[in-house]
Amino acid sequence: MTDKNPYNYFKQMFTDKAEYNKKMAELKDLPQEYQVVYKEIQKFLWEFTAGDGMDMLQPMYELLAFFQEGAGNNIPVLELVGEDVGEFAENMLHEIQAKTRINELKRKMNERVAKEINKGK
């Protein structure tokens, strides 16, 4: 968020939280098996977020819509995502191409290496 006005920041934060709560209420309308898989994928993706994790919200909302469509068509969740939920989650992480914790760690490592190498030059 680039707006430095604290009022706008808190207003946006409130709006984002309200949207998140609405989506999580929608999740509760899905069959139990879908909820279990969604929560596991969500936990996995949160492990890779950078900063406040806002970069993961839209992909999680898209996953919810995907699950809603699958459930609406009576497709078992493991038929939708495959038996290897971890693989599905990892593929999703790669597709997101959002700023992730891993990317942040790699960036910092590269900065430290460059700093140390250039120190003696």
PDB file of N, CA and C in Angstrom:
ATOM      1  N   MET A   1       0.841  -1.162   0.000  1.00  0.00           N
ATOM      2  CA  MET A   1       0.000   0.000   0.000  1.00  0.00           C
ATOM      3  C   MET A   1       0.894   1.234   0.000  1.00  0.00           C
ATOM      4  N   THR A   2       0.684   2.137  -0.948  1.00  0.00           N
ATOM      5  CA  THR A   2       1.557   3.297  -1.078  1.00  0.00           C
ATOM      6  C   THR A   2       0.995   4.525  -0.376  1.00  0.00           C
ATOM      7  N   ASP A   3      -0.265   4.547  -0.049  1.00  0.00           N
ATOM      8  CA  ASP A   3      -0.874   5.687   0.610  1.00  0.00           C
ATOM      9  C   ASP A   3      -0.369   5.795   2.043  1.00  0.00           C
ATOM     10  N   LYS A   4       0.185   6.949   2.397  1.00  0.00           N
ATOM     11  CA  LYS A   4       0.776   7.141   3.731  1.00  0.00           C
ATOM     12  C   LYS A   4      -0.245   7.657   4.743  1.00  0.00           C
ATOM     13  N   ASN A   5      -1.430   7.995   4.295  1.00  0.00           N
ATOM     14  CA  ASN A   5      -2.454   8.508   5.191  1.00  0.00           C
ATOM     15  C   ASN A   5      -2.927   7.381   6.111  1.00  0.00           C
ATOM     16  N   PRO A   6      -2.730   7.528   7.438  1.00  0.00           N
ATOM     17  CA  PRO A   6      -3.134   6.448   8.366  1.00  0.00           C
ATOM     18  C   PRO A   6      -4.618   6.117   8.273  1.00  0.00           C
ATOM     19  N   TYR A   7      -5.449   7.126   8.039  1.00  0.00           N
ATOM     20  CA  TYR A   7      -6.891   6.869   7.926  1.00  0.00           C
ATOM     21  C   TYR A   7      -7.165   5.920   6.765  1.00  0.00           C
ATOM     22  N   ASN A   8      -6.549   6.191   5.615  1.00  0.00           N
ATOM     23  CA  ASN A   8      -6.763   5.344   4.438  1.00  0.00           C
ATOM     24  C   ASN A   8      -6.213   3.938   4.659  1.00  0.00           C
ATOM     25  N   TYR A   9      -5.071   3.859   5.344  1.00  0.00           N
ATOM     26  CA  TYR A   9      -4.481   2.556   5.648  1.00  0.00           C
ATOM     27  C   TYR A   9      -5.436   1.715   6.485  1.00  0.00           C
ATOM     28  N   PHE A  10      -5.966   2.303   7.559  1.00  0.00           N
ATOM     29  CA  PHE A  10      -6.871   1.551   8.435  1.00  0.00           C
ATOM     30  C   PHE A  10      -8.200   1.256   7.758  1.00  0.00           C
ATOM     31  N   LYS A  11      -8.644   2.184   6.922  1.00  0.00           N
ATOM     32  CA  LYS A  11      -9.875   1.955   6.176  1.00  0.00           C
ATOM     33  C   LYS A  11      -9.695   0.756   5.237  1.00  0.00           C
ATOM     34  N   GLN A  12      -8.549   0.711   4.528  1.00  0.00           N
ATOM     35  CA  GLN A  12      -8.274  -0.403   3.630  1.00  0.00           C
ATOM     36  C   GLN A  12      -8.125  -1.707   4.413  1.00  0.00           C
ATOM     37  N   MET A  13      -7.458  -1.641   5.543  1.00  0.00           N
ATOM     38  CA  MET A  13      -7.276  -2.824   6.369  1.00  0.00           C
ATOM     39  C   MET A  13      -8.639  -3.363   6.832  1.00  0.00           C
ATOM     40  N   PHE A  14      -9.535  -2.477   7.230  1.00  0.00           N
ATOM     41  CA  PHE A  14     -10.872  -2.876   7.650  1.00  0.00           C
ATOM     42  C   PHE A  14     -11.626  -3.514   6.480  1.00  0.00           C
ATOM     43  N   THR A  15     -11.512  -2.900   5.292  1.00  0.00           N
ATOM     44  CA  THR A  15     -12.170  -3.431   4.102  1.00  0.00           C
ATOM     45  C   THR A  15     -11.629  -4.814   3.752  1.00  0.00           C
ATOM     46  N   ASP A  16     -10.302  -4.955   3.807  1.00  0.00           N
ATOM     47  CA  ASP A  16      -9.678  -6.245   3.503  1.00  0.00           C
ATOM     48  C   ASP A  16     -10.108  -7.314   4.498  1.00  0.00           C
ATOM     49  N   LYS A  17     -10.179  -6.948   5.768  1.00  0.00           N
ATOM     50  CA  LYS A  17     -10.581  -7.905   6.801  1.00  0.00           C
ATOM     51  C   LYS A  17     -12.035  -8.331   6.601  1.00  0.00           C
ATOM     52  N   ALA A  18     -12.895  -7.371   6.255  1.00  0.00           N
ATOM     53  CA  ALA A  18     -14.305  -7.685   6.020  1.00  0.00           C
ATOM     54  C   ALA A  18     -14.441  -8.648   4.830  1.00  0.00           C
ATOM     55  N   GLU A  19     -13.670  -8.402   3.769  1.00  0.00           N
ATOM     56  CA  GLU A  19     -13.703  -9.278   2.592  1.00  0.00           C
ATOM     57  C   GLU A  19     -13.206 -10.676   2.956  1.00  0.00           C
ATOM     58  N   TYR A  20     -12.120 -10.737   3.724  1.00  0.00           N
ATOM     59  CA  TYR A  20     -11.567 -12.026   4.149  1.00  0.00           C
ATOM     60  C   TYR A  20     -12.600 -12.795   4.978  1.00  0.00           C
ATOM     61  N   ASN A  21     -13.239 -12.126   5.918  1.00  0.00           N
ATOM     62  CA  ASN A  21     -14.250 -12.785   6.755  1.00  0.00           C
ATOM     63  C   ASN A  21     -15.429 -13.282   5.923  1.00  0.00           C
ATOM     64  N   LYS A  22     -15.810 -12.508   4.914  1.00  0.00           N
ATOM     65  CA  LYS A  22     -16.897 -12.920   4.017  1.00  0.00           C
ATOM     66  C   LYS A  22     -16.503 -14.188   3.262  1.00  0.00           C
ATOM     67  N   LYS A  23     -15.289 -14.218   2.765  1.00  0.00           N
ATOM     68  CA  LYS A  23     -14.818 -15.385   2.018  1.00  0.00           C
ATOM     69  C   LYS A  23     -14.721 -16.616   2.917  1.00  0.00           C
ATOM     70  N   MET A  24     -14.275 -16.420   4.147  1.00  0.00           N
ATOM     71  CA  MET A  24     -14.165 -17.556   5.068  1.00  0.00           C
ATOM     72  C   MET A  24     -15.551 -18.071   5.451  1.00  0.00           C
ATOM     73  N   ALA A  25     -16.547 -17.191   5.478  1.00  0.00           N
ATOM     74  CA  ALA A  25     -17.927 -17.634   5.714  1.00  0.00           C
ATOM     75  C   ALA A  25     -18.417 -18.466   4.529  1.00  0.00           C
ATOM     76  N   GLU A  26     -18.021 -18.066   3.314  1.00  0.00           N
ATOM     77  CA  GLU A  26     -18.377 -18.841   2.122  1.00  0.00           C
ATOM     78  C   GLU A  26     -17.730 -20.221   2.158  1.00  0.00           C
ATOM     79  N   LEU A  27     -16.514 -20.280   2.666  1.00  0.00           N
ATOM     80  CA  LEU A  27     -15.812 -21.559   2.782  1.00  0.00           C
ATOM     81  C   LEU A  27     -16.617 -22.539   3.627  1.00  0.00           C
ATOM     82  N   LYS A  28     -17.255 -22.045   4.668  1.00  0.00           N
ATOM     83  CA  LYS A  28     -18.025 -22.914   5.566  1.00  0.00           C
ATOM     84  C   LYS A  28     -19.251 -23.514   4.885  1.00  0.00           C
ATOM     85  N   ASP A  29     -19.631 -22.951   3.729  1.00  0.00           N
ATOM     86  CA  ASP A  29     -20.758 -23.502   2.975  1.00  0.00           C
ATOM     87  C   ASP A  29     -20.348 -24.691   2.101  1.00  0.00           C
ATOM     88  N   LEU A  30     -19.044 -24.903   1.954  1.00  0.00           N
ATOM     89  CA  LEU A  30     -18.558 -26.014   1.132  1.00  0.00           C
ATOM     90  C   LEU A  30     -18.602 -27.326   1.917  1.00  0.00           C
ATOM     91  N   PRO A  31     -18.613 -28.452   1.200  1.00  0.00           N
ATOM     92  CA  PRO A  31     -18.543 -29.749   1.891  1.00  0.00           C
ATOM     93  C   PRO A  31     -17.283 -29.829   2.761  1.00  0.00           C
ATOM     94  N   GLN A  32     -17.345 -30.621   3.798  1.00  0.00           N
ATOM     95  CA  GLN A  32     -16.251 -30.744   4.767  1.00  0.00           C
ATOM     96  C   GLN A  32     -14.914 -31.091   4.116  1.00  0.00           C
ATOM     97  N   GLU A  33     -14.928 -32.023   3.147  1.00  0.00           N
ATOM     98  CA  GLU A  33     -13.681 -32.418   2.500  1.00  0.00           C
ATOM     99  C   GLU A  33     -13.030 -31.225   1.788  1.00  0.00           C
ATOM    100  N   TYR A  34     -13.831 -30.360   1.209  1.00  0.00           N
ATOM    101  CA  TYR A  34     -13.299 -29.155   0.557  1.00  0.00           C
ATOM    102  C   TYR A  34     -12.696 -28.207   1.594  1.00  0.00           C
ATOM    103  N   GLN A  35     -13.366 -28.063   2.715  1.00  0.00           N
ATOM    104  CA  GLN A  35     -12.859 -27.180   3.773  1.00  0.00           C
ATOM    105  C   GLN A  35     -11.503 -27.660   4.291  1.00  0.00           C
ATOM    106  N   VAL A  36     -11.381 -28.969   4.490  1.00  0.00           N
ATOM    107  CA  VAL A  36     -10.129 -29.544   4.990  1.00  0.00           C
ATOM    108  C   VAL A  36      -8.990 -29.252   4.022  1.00  0.00           C
ATOM    109  N   VAL A  37      -9.211 -29.524   2.737  1.00  0.00           N
ATOM    110  CA  VAL A  37      -8.169 -29.321   1.733  1.00  0.00           C
ATOM    111  C   VAL A  37      -7.838 -27.834   1.602  1.00  0.00           C
ATOM    112  N   TYR A  38      -8.854 -26.986   1.591  1.00  0.00           N
ATOM    113  CA  TYR A  38      -8.624 -25.541   1.474  1.00  0.00           C
ATOM    114  C   TYR A  38      -7.757 -25.040   2.629  1.00  0.00           C
ATOM    115  N   LYS A  39      -8.102 -25.444   3.838  1.00  0.00           N
ATOM    116  CA  LYS A  39      -7.354 -24.971   5.016  1.00  0.00           C
ATOM    117  C   LYS A  39      -5.907 -25.462   4.992  1.00  0.00           C
ATOM    118  N   GLU A  40      -5.684 -26.671   4.520  1.00  0.00           N
ATOM    119  CA  GLU A  40      -4.312 -27.177   4.425  1.00  0.00           C
ATOM    120  C   GLU A  40      -3.509 -26.407   3.376  1.00  0.00           C
ATOM    121  N   ILE A  41      -4.128 -26.144   2.238  1.00  0.00           N
ATOM    122  CA  ILE A  41      -3.443 -25.358   1.204  1.00  0.00           C
ATOM    123  C   ILE A  41      -3.182 -23.949   1.721  1.00  0.00           C
ATOM    124  N   GLN A  42      -4.154 -23.380   2.394  1.00  0.00           N
ATOM    125  CA  GLN A  42      -3.998 -22.037   2.957  1.00  0.00           C
ATOM    126  C   GLN A  42      -2.832 -21.999   3.943  1.00  0.00           C
ATOM    127  N   LYS A  43      -2.764 -22.981   4.834  1.00  0.00           N
ATOM    128  CA  LYS A  43      -1.652 -23.047   5.799  1.00  0.00           C
ATOM    129  C   LYS A  43      -0.310 -23.113   5.079  1.00  0.00           C
ATOM    130  N   PHE A  44      -0.257 -23.938   4.050  1.00  0.00           N
ATOM    131  CA  PHE A  44       0.965 -24.090   3.275  1.00  0.00           C
ATOM    132  C   PHE A  44       1.372 -22.760   2.642  1.00  0.00           C
ATOM    133  N   LEU A  45       0.439 -22.108   1.983  1.00  0.00           N
ATOM    134  CA  LEU A  45       0.755 -20.856   1.293  1.00  0.00           C
ATOM    135  C   LEU A  45       1.152 -19.752   2.265  1.00  0.00           C
ATOM    136  N   TRP A  46       0.518 -19.701   3.438  1.00  0.00           N
ATOM    137  CA  TRP A  46       0.871 -18.671   4.425  1.00  0.00           C
ATOM    138  C   TRP A  46       2.327 -18.809   4.858  1.00  0.00           C
ATOM    139  N   GLU A  47       2.880 -20.019   4.790  1.00  0.00           N
ATOM    140  CA  GLU A  47       4.282 -20.217   5.164  1.00  0.00           C
ATOM    141  C   GLU A  47       5.239 -19.473   4.236  1.00  0.00           C
ATOM    142  N   PHE A  48       4.776 -19.118   3.052  1.00  0.00           N
ATOM    143  CA  PHE A  48       5.639 -18.505   2.054  1.00  0.00           C
ATOM    144  C   PHE A  48       5.332 -17.045   1.786  1.00  0.00           C
ATOM    145  N   THR A  49       4.443 -16.471   2.550  1.00  0.00           N
ATOM    146  CA  THR A  49       4.127 -15.072   2.312  1.00  0.00           C
ATOM    147  C   THR A  49       5.249 -14.182   2.821  1.00  0.00           C
ATOM    148  N   ALA A  50       5.333 -13.033   2.225  1.00  0.00           N
ATOM    149  CA  ALA A  50       6.291 -12.020   2.669  1.00  0.00           C
ATOM    150  C   ALA A  50       5.485 -10.875   3.278  1.00  0.00           C
ATOM    151  N   GLY A  51       6.025 -10.270   4.289  1.00  0.00           N
ATOM    152  CA  GLY A  51       5.351  -9.117   4.892  1.00  0.00           C
ATOM    153  C   GLY A  51       4.023  -9.483   5.493  1.00  0.00           C
ATOM    154  N   ASP A  52       3.004  -8.729   5.113  1.00  0.00           N
ATOM    155  CA  ASP A  52       1.687  -8.895   5.727  1.00  0.00           C
ATOM    156  C   ASP A  52       0.841  -9.993   5.101  1.00  0.00           C
ATOM    157  N   GLY A  53       1.319 -10.603   4.043  1.00  0.00           N
ATOM    158  CA  GLY A  53       0.591 -11.710   3.425  1.00  0.00           C
ATOM    159  C   GLY A  53      -0.529 -11.303   2.487  1.00  0.00           C
ATOM    160  N   MET A  54      -0.661 -10.019   2.249  1.00  0.00           N
ATOM    161  CA  MET A  54      -1.745  -9.559   1.384  1.00  0.00           C
ATOM    162  C   MET A  54      -1.614 -10.113  -0.033  1.00  0.00           C
ATOM    163  N   ASP A  55      -0.399 -10.481  -0.425  1.00  0.00           N
ATOM    164  CA  ASP A  55      -0.174 -11.020  -1.765  1.00  0.00           C
ATOM    165  C   ASP A  55      -0.843 -12.377  -1.966  1.00  0.00           C
ATOM    166  N   MET A  56      -1.220 -13.027  -0.881  1.00  0.00           N
ATOM    167  CA  MET A  56      -1.835 -14.353  -0.988  1.00  0.00           C
ATOM    168  C   MET A  56      -3.363 -14.307  -0.969  1.00  0.00           C
ATOM    169  N   LEU A  57      -3.943 -13.173  -0.612  1.00  0.00           N
ATOM    170  CA  LEU A  57      -5.403 -13.142  -0.488  1.00  0.00           C
ATOM    171  C   LEU A  57      -6.107 -13.414  -1.805  1.00  0.00           C
ATOM    172  N   GLN A  58      -5.742 -12.725  -2.866  1.00  0.00           N
ATOM    173  CA  GLN A  58      -6.432 -12.913  -4.140  1.00  0.00           C
ATOM    174  C   GLN A  58      -6.310 -14.353  -4.638  1.00  0.00           C
ATOM    175  N   PRO A  59      -5.121 -14.947  -4.604  1.00  0.00           N
ATOM    176  CA  PRO A  59      -5.046 -16.364  -5.012  1.00  0.00           C
ATOM    177  C   PRO A  59      -5.912 -17.271  -4.136  1.00  0.00           C
ATOM    178  N   MET A  60      -6.009 -16.973  -2.845  1.00  0.00           N
ATOM    179  CA  MET A  60      -6.841 -17.797  -1.967  1.00  0.00           C
ATOM    180  C   MET A  60      -8.322 -17.616  -2.316  1.00  0.00           C
ATOM    181  N   TYR A  61      -8.713 -16.402  -2.690  1.00  0.00           N
ATOM    182  CA  TYR A  61     -10.100 -16.169  -3.112  1.00  0.00           C
ATOM    183  C   TYR A  61     -10.381 -16.898  -4.422  1.00  0.00           C
ATOM    184  N   GLU A  62      -9.384 -16.937  -5.306  1.00  0.00           N
ATOM    185  CA  GLU A  62      -9.548 -17.654  -6.571  1.00  0.00           C
ATOM    186  C   GLU A  62      -9.651 -19.160  -6.320  1.00  0.00           C
ATOM    187  N   LEU A  63      -8.877 -19.667  -5.370  1.00  0.00           N
ATOM    188  CA  LEU A  63      -8.982 -21.078  -5.008  1.00  0.00           C
ATOM    189  C   LEU A  63     -10.368 -21.385  -4.457  1.00  0.00           C
ATOM    190  N   LEU A  64     -10.890 -20.486  -3.634  1.00  0.00           N
ATOM    191  CA  LEU A  64     -12.230 -20.675  -3.087  1.00  0.00           C
ATOM    192  C   LEU A  64     -13.256 -20.743  -4.217  1.00  0.00           C
ATOM    193  N   ALA A  65     -13.160 -19.853  -5.192  1.00  0.00           N
ATOM    194  CA  ALA A  65     -14.090 -19.865  -6.323  1.00  0.00           C
ATOM    195  C   ALA A  65     -13.965 -21.177  -7.112  1.00  0.00           C
ATOM    196  N   PHE A  66     -12.728 -21.645  -7.287  1.00  0.00           N
ATOM    197  CA  PHE A  66     -12.467 -22.920  -7.961  1.00  0.00           C
ATOM    198  C   PHE A  66     -13.130 -24.063  -7.198  1.00  0.00           C
ATOM    199  N   PHE A  67     -12.992 -24.045  -5.893  1.00  0.00           N
ATOM    200  CA  PHE A  67     -13.601 -25.080  -5.052  1.00  0.00           C
ATOM    201  C   PHE A  67     -15.122 -24.977  -5.073  1.00  0.00           C
ATOM    202  N   GLN A  68     -15.650 -23.768  -5.075  1.00  0.00           N
ATOM    203  CA  GLN A  68     -17.104 -23.599  -5.121  1.00  0.00           C
ATOM    204  C   GLN A  68     -17.668 -24.180  -6.415  1.00  0.00           C
ATOM    205  N   GLU A  69     -16.953 -23.947  -7.504  1.00  0.00           N
ATOM    206  CA  GLU A  69     -17.388 -24.495  -8.787  1.00  0.00           C
ATOM    207  C   GLU A  69     -17.313 -26.028  -8.765  1.00  0.00           C
ATOM    208  N   GLY A  70     -16.205 -26.562  -8.243  1.00  0.00           N
ATOM    209  CA  GLY A  70     -16.058 -28.014  -8.159  1.00  0.00           C
ATOM    210  C   GLY A  70     -17.128 -28.652  -7.293  1.00  0.00           C
ATOM    211  N   ALA A  71     -17.374 -28.051  -6.142  1.00  0.00           N
ATOM    212  CA  ALA A  71     -18.410 -28.576  -5.241  1.00  0.00           C
ATOM    213  C   ALA A  71     -19.790 -28.465  -5.886  1.00  0.00           C
ATOM    214  N   GLY A  72     -20.016 -27.357  -6.595  1.00  0.00           N
ATOM    215  CA  GLY A  72     -21.297 -27.160  -7.278  1.00  0.00           C
ATOM    216  C   GLY A  72     -21.542 -28.205  -8.364  1.00  0.00           C
ATOM    217  N   ASN A  73     -20.456 -28.738  -8.909  1.00  0.00           N
ATOM    218  CA  ASN A  73     -20.557 -29.789  -9.926  1.00  0.00           C
ATOM    219  C   ASN A  73     -20.405 -31.186  -9.333  1.00  0.00           C
ATOM    220  N   ASN A  74     -20.440 -31.271  -8.009  1.00  0.00           N
ATOM    221  CA  ASN A  74     -20.344 -32.542  -7.281  1.00  0.00           C
ATOM    222  C   ASN A  74     -19.079 -33.332  -7.608  1.00  0.00           C
ATOM    223  N   ILE A  75     -17.970 -32.625  -7.807  1.00  0.00           N
ATOM    224  CA  ILE A  75     -16.687 -33.280  -8.059  1.00  0.00           C
ATOM    225  C   ILE A  75     -15.985 -33.462  -6.711  1.00  0.00           C
ATOM    226  N   PRO A  76     -15.582 -34.674  -6.362  1.00  0.00           N
ATOM    227  CA  PRO A  76     -14.838 -34.865  -5.114  1.00  0.00           C
ATOM    228  C   PRO A  76     -13.571 -34.008  -5.135  1.00  0.00           C
ATOM    229  N   VAL A  77     -13.231 -33.412  -4.012  1.00  0.00           N
ATOM    230  CA  VAL A  77     -12.125 -32.454  -3.967  1.00  0.00           C
ATOM    231  C   VAL A  77     -10.805 -33.068  -4.414  1.00  0.00           C
ATOM    232  N   LEU A  78     -10.553 -34.318  -4.063  1.00  0.00           N
ATOM    233  CA  LEU A  78      -9.294 -34.943  -4.460  1.00  0.00           C
ATOM    234  C   LEU A  78      -9.268 -35.288  -5.951  1.00  0.00           C
ATOM    235  N   GLU A  79     -10.425 -35.365  -6.557  1.00  0.00           N
ATOM    236  CA  GLU A  79     -10.486 -35.514  -8.012  1.00  0.00           C
ATOM    237  C   GLU A  79     -10.168 -34.166  -8.663  1.00  0.00           C
ATOM    238  N   LEU A  80     -10.553 -33.102  -7.999  1.00  0.00           N
ATOM    239  CA  LEU A  80     -10.331 -31.745  -8.506  1.00  0.00           C
ATOM    240  C   LEU A  80      -8.860 -31.344  -8.416  1.00  0.00           C
ATOM    241  N   VAL A  81      -8.229 -31.604  -7.273  1.00  0.00           N
ATOM    242  CA  VAL A  81      -6.842 -31.164  -7.053  1.00  0.00           C
ATOM    243  C   VAL A  81      -5.822 -32.289  -7.215  1.00  0.00           C
ATOM    244  N   GLY A  82      -6.276 -33.505  -7.233  1.00  0.00           N
ATOM    245  CA  GLY A  82      -5.375 -34.649  -7.306  1.00  0.00           C
ATOM    246  C   GLY A  82      -5.116 -35.211  -5.919  1.00  0.00           C
ATOM    247  N   GLU A  83      -4.620 -36.432  -5.883  1.00  0.00           N
ATOM    248  CA  GLU A  83      -4.360 -37.111  -4.614  1.00  0.00           C
ATOM    249  C   GLU A  83      -3.234 -36.455  -3.815  1.00  0.00           C
ATOM    250  N   ASP A  84      -2.275 -35.823  -4.509  1.00  0.00           N
ATOM    251  CA  ASP A  84      -1.151 -35.174  -3.842  1.00  0.00           C
ATOM    252  C   ASP A  84      -1.471 -33.690  -3.648  1.00  0.00           C
ATOM    253  N   VAL A  85      -2.133 -33.389  -2.542  1.00  0.00           N
ATOM    254  CA  VAL A  85      -2.547 -32.018  -2.250  1.00  0.00           C
ATOM    255  C   VAL A  85      -1.326 -31.119  -2.089  1.00  0.00           C
ATOM    256  N   GLY A  86      -0.247 -31.668  -1.532  1.00  0.00           N
ATOM    257  CA  GLY A  86       0.983 -30.896  -1.373  1.00  0.00           C
ATOM    258  C   GLY A  86       1.544 -30.449  -2.712  1.00  0.00           C
ATOM    259  N   GLU A  87       1.501 -31.336  -3.681  1.00  0.00           N
ATOM    260  CA  GLU A  87       1.977 -30.996  -5.034  1.00  0.00           C
ATOM    261  C   GLU A  87       1.095 -29.908  -5.646  1.00  0.00           C
ATOM    262  N   PHE A  88      -0.218 -30.046  -5.463  1.00  0.00           N
ATOM    263  CA  PHE A  88      -1.142 -29.023  -5.960  1.00  0.00           C
ATOM    264  C   PHE A  88      -0.817 -27.670  -5.330  1.00  0.00           C
ATOM    265  N   ALA A  89      -0.600 -27.669  -4.018  1.00  0.00           N
ATOM    266  CA  ALA A  89      -0.301 -26.417  -3.305  1.00  0.00           C
ATOM    267  C   ALA A  89       1.016 -25.818  -3.785  1.00  0.00           C
ATOM    268  N   GLU A  90       2.019 -26.671  -3.994  1.00  0.00           N
ATOM    269  CA  GLU A  90       3.305 -26.169  -4.468  1.00  0.00           C
ATOM    270  C   GLU A  90       3.178 -25.588  -5.880  1.00  0.00           C
ATOM    271  N   ASN A  91       2.424 -26.266  -6.738  1.00  0.00           N
ATOM    272  CA  ASN A  91       2.197 -25.741  -8.083  1.00  0.00           C
ATOM    273  C   ASN A  91       1.457 -24.412  -8.029  1.00  0.00           C
ATOM    274  N   MET A  92       0.511 -24.329  -7.132  1.00  0.00           N
ATOM    275  CA  MET A  92      -0.231 -23.075  -6.965  1.00  0.00           C
ATOM    276  C   MET A  92       0.720 -21.960  -6.532  1.00  0.00           C
ATOM    277  N   LEU A  93       1.613 -22.270  -5.606  1.00  0.00           N
ATOM    278  CA  LEU A  93       2.584 -21.289  -5.132  1.00  0.00           C
ATOM    279  C   LEU A  93       3.437 -20.780  -6.292  1.00  0.00           C
ATOM    280  N   HIS A  94       3.873 -21.677  -7.147  1.00  0.00           N
ATOM    281  CA  HIS A  94       4.698 -21.279  -8.294  1.00  0.00           C
ATOM    282  C   HIS A  94       3.893 -20.450  -9.292  1.00  0.00           C
ATOM    283  N   GLU A  95       2.635 -20.796  -9.469  1.00  0.00           N
ATOM    284  CA  GLU A  95       1.782 -20.054 -10.401  1.00  0.00           C
ATOM    285  C   GLU A  95       1.481 -18.650  -9.905  1.00  0.00           C
ATOM    286  N   ILE A  96       1.400 -18.490  -8.611  1.00  0.00           N
ATOM    287  CA  ILE A  96       1.071 -17.179  -8.034  1.00  0.00           C
ATOM    288  C   ILE A  96       2.120 -16.158  -8.426  1.00  0.00           C
ATOM    289  N   GLN A  97       3.367 -16.586  -8.376  1.00  0.00           N
ATOM    290  CA  GLN A  97       4.496 -15.717  -8.666  1.00  0.00           C
ATOM    291  C   GLN A  97       4.401 -14.420  -7.868  1.00  0.00           C
ATOM    292  N   ALA A  98       3.882 -14.532  -6.661  1.00  0.00           N
ATOM    293  CA  ALA A  98       3.799 -13.387  -5.773  1.00  0.00           C
ATOM    294  C   ALA A  98       5.106 -13.275  -5.006  1.00  0.00           C
ATOM    295  N   LYS A  99       5.277 -12.167  -4.378  1.00  0.00           N
ATOM    296  CA  LYS A  99       6.456 -12.003  -3.533  1.00  0.00           C
ATOM    297  C   LYS A  99       6.288 -12.969  -2.364  1.00  0.00           C
ATOM    298  N   THR A 100       7.197 -13.897  -2.256  1.00  0.00           N
ATOM    299  CA  THR A 100       7.089 -14.893  -1.201  1.00  0.00           C
ATOM    300  C   THR A 100       8.243 -14.764  -0.233  1.00  0.00           C
ATOM    301  N   ARG A 101       8.106 -15.418   0.880  1.00  0.00           N
ATOM    302  CA  ARG A 101       9.153 -15.415   1.894  1.00  0.00           C
ATOM    303  C   ARG A 101      10.457 -15.976   1.330  1.00  0.00           C
ATOM    304  N   ILE A 102      10.352 -17.008   0.513  1.00  0.00           N
ATOM    305  CA  ILE A 102      11.546 -17.595  -0.085  1.00  0.00           C
ATOM    306  C   ILE A 102      12.238 -16.564  -0.971  1.00  0.00           C
ATOM    307  N   ASN A 103      11.465 -15.855  -1.778  1.00  0.00           N
ATOM    308  CA  ASN A 103      12.055 -14.838  -2.639  1.00  0.00           C
ATOM    309  C   ASN A 103      12.738 -13.760  -1.810  1.00  0.00           C
ATOM    310  N   GLU A 104      12.128 -13.389  -0.719  1.00  0.00           N
ATOM    311  CA  GLU A 104      12.707 -12.375   0.161  1.00  0.00           C
ATOM    312  C   GLU A 104      14.018 -12.891   0.773  1.00  0.00           C
ATOM    313  N   LEU A 105      14.034 -14.134   1.209  1.00  0.00           N
ATOM    314  CA  LEU A 105      15.254 -14.711   1.771  1.00  0.00           C
ATOM    315  C   LEU A 105      16.359 -14.793   0.717  1.00  0.00           C
ATOM    316  N   LYS A 106      16.005 -15.175  -0.496  1.00  0.00           N
ATOM    317  CA  LYS A 106      16.999 -15.245  -1.575  1.00  0.00           C
ATOM    318  C   LYS A 106      17.533 -13.849  -1.903  1.00  0.00           C
ATOM    319  N   ARG A 107      16.658 -12.857  -1.946  1.00  0.00           N
ATOM    320  CA  ARG A 107      17.071 -11.487  -2.240  1.00  0.00           C
ATOM    321  C   ARG A 107      18.056 -10.990  -1.191  1.00  0.00           C
ATOM    322  N   LYS A 108      17.743 -11.227   0.077  1.00  0.00           N
ATOM    323  CA  LYS A 108      18.633 -10.792   1.162  1.00  0.00           C
ATOM    324  C   LYS A 108      19.975 -11.516   1.093  1.00  0.00           C
ATOM    325  N   MET A 109      19.941 -12.806   0.777  1.00  0.00           N
ATOM    326  CA  MET A 109      21.179 -13.564   0.657  1.00  0.00           C
ATOM    327  C   MET A 109      22.041 -12.969  -0.459  1.00  0.00           C
ATOM    328  N   ASN A 110      21.437 -12.705  -1.589  1.00  0.00           N
ATOM    329  CA  ASN A 110      22.178 -12.134  -2.711  1.00  0.00           C
ATOM    330  C   ASN A 110      22.759 -10.765  -2.363  1.00  0.00           C
ATOM    331  N   GLU A 111      22.005  -9.967  -1.618  1.00  0.00           N
ATOM    332  CA  GLU A 111      22.513  -8.660  -1.189  1.00  0.00           C
ATOM    333  C   GLU A 111      23.720  -8.814  -0.271  1.00  0.00           C
ATOM    334  N   ARG A 112      23.649  -9.772   0.667  1.00  0.00           N
ATOM    335  CA  ARG A 112      24.772  -9.992   1.583  1.00  0.00           C
ATOM    336  C   ARG A 112      26.012 -10.462   0.828  1.00  0.00           C
ATOM    337  N   VAL A 113      25.825 -11.379  -0.103  1.00  0.00           N
ATOM    338  CA  VAL A 113      26.937 -11.889  -0.894  1.00  0.00           C
ATOM    339  C   VAL A 113      27.567 -10.748  -1.686  1.00  0.00           C
ATOM    340  N   ALA A 114      26.742  -9.965  -2.376  1.00  0.00           N
ATOM    341  CA  ALA A 114      27.268  -8.856  -3.173  1.00  0.00           C
ATOM    342  C   ALA A 114      28.003  -7.855  -2.308  1.00  0.00           C
ATOM    343  N   LYS A 115      27.463  -7.563  -1.147  1.00  0.00           N
ATOM    344  CA  LYS A 115      28.086  -6.613  -0.222  1.00  0.00           C
ATOM    345  C   LYS A 115      29.464  -7.117   0.216  1.00  0.00           C
ATOM    346  N   GLU A 116      29.541  -8.390   0.596  1.00  0.00           N
ATOM    347  CA  GLU A 116      30.801  -8.969   1.068  1.00  0.00           C
ATOM    348  C   GLU A 116      31.825  -9.064  -0.054  1.00  0.00           C
ATOM    349  N   ILE A 117      31.404  -9.446  -1.222  1.00  0.00           N
ATOM    350  CA  ILE A 117      32.324  -9.580  -2.358  1.00  0.00           C
ATOM    351  C   ILE A 117      32.854  -8.205  -2.783  1.00  0.00           C
ATOM    352  N   ASN A 118      31.959  -7.226  -2.780  1.00  0.00           N
ATOM    353  CA  ASN A 118      32.350  -5.882  -3.205  1.00  0.00           C
ATOM    354  C   ASN A 118      33.095  -5.111  -2.137  1.00  0.00           C
ATOM    355  N   LYS A 119      33.138  -5.621  -0.913  1.00  0.00           N
ATOM    356  CA  LYS A 119      33.814  -4.953   0.205  1.00  0.00           C
ATOM    357  C   LYS A 119      35.301  -4.746  -0.082  1.00  0.00           C
ATOM    358  N   GLY A 120      35.920  -5.755  -0.637  1.00  0.00           N
ATOM    359  CA  GLY A 120      37.360  -5.715  -0.865  1.00  0.00           C
ATOM    360  C   GLY A 120      37.742  -5.029  -2.182  1.00  0.00           C
ATOM    361  N   LYS A 121      36.806  -4.607  -2.957  1.00  0.00           N
ATOM    362  CA  LYS A 121      37.120  -4.012  -4.269  1.00  0.00           C
ATOM    363  C   LYS A 121      37.229  -2.512  -4.205  1.00  0.00           C
TER     364      LYS A 121
END
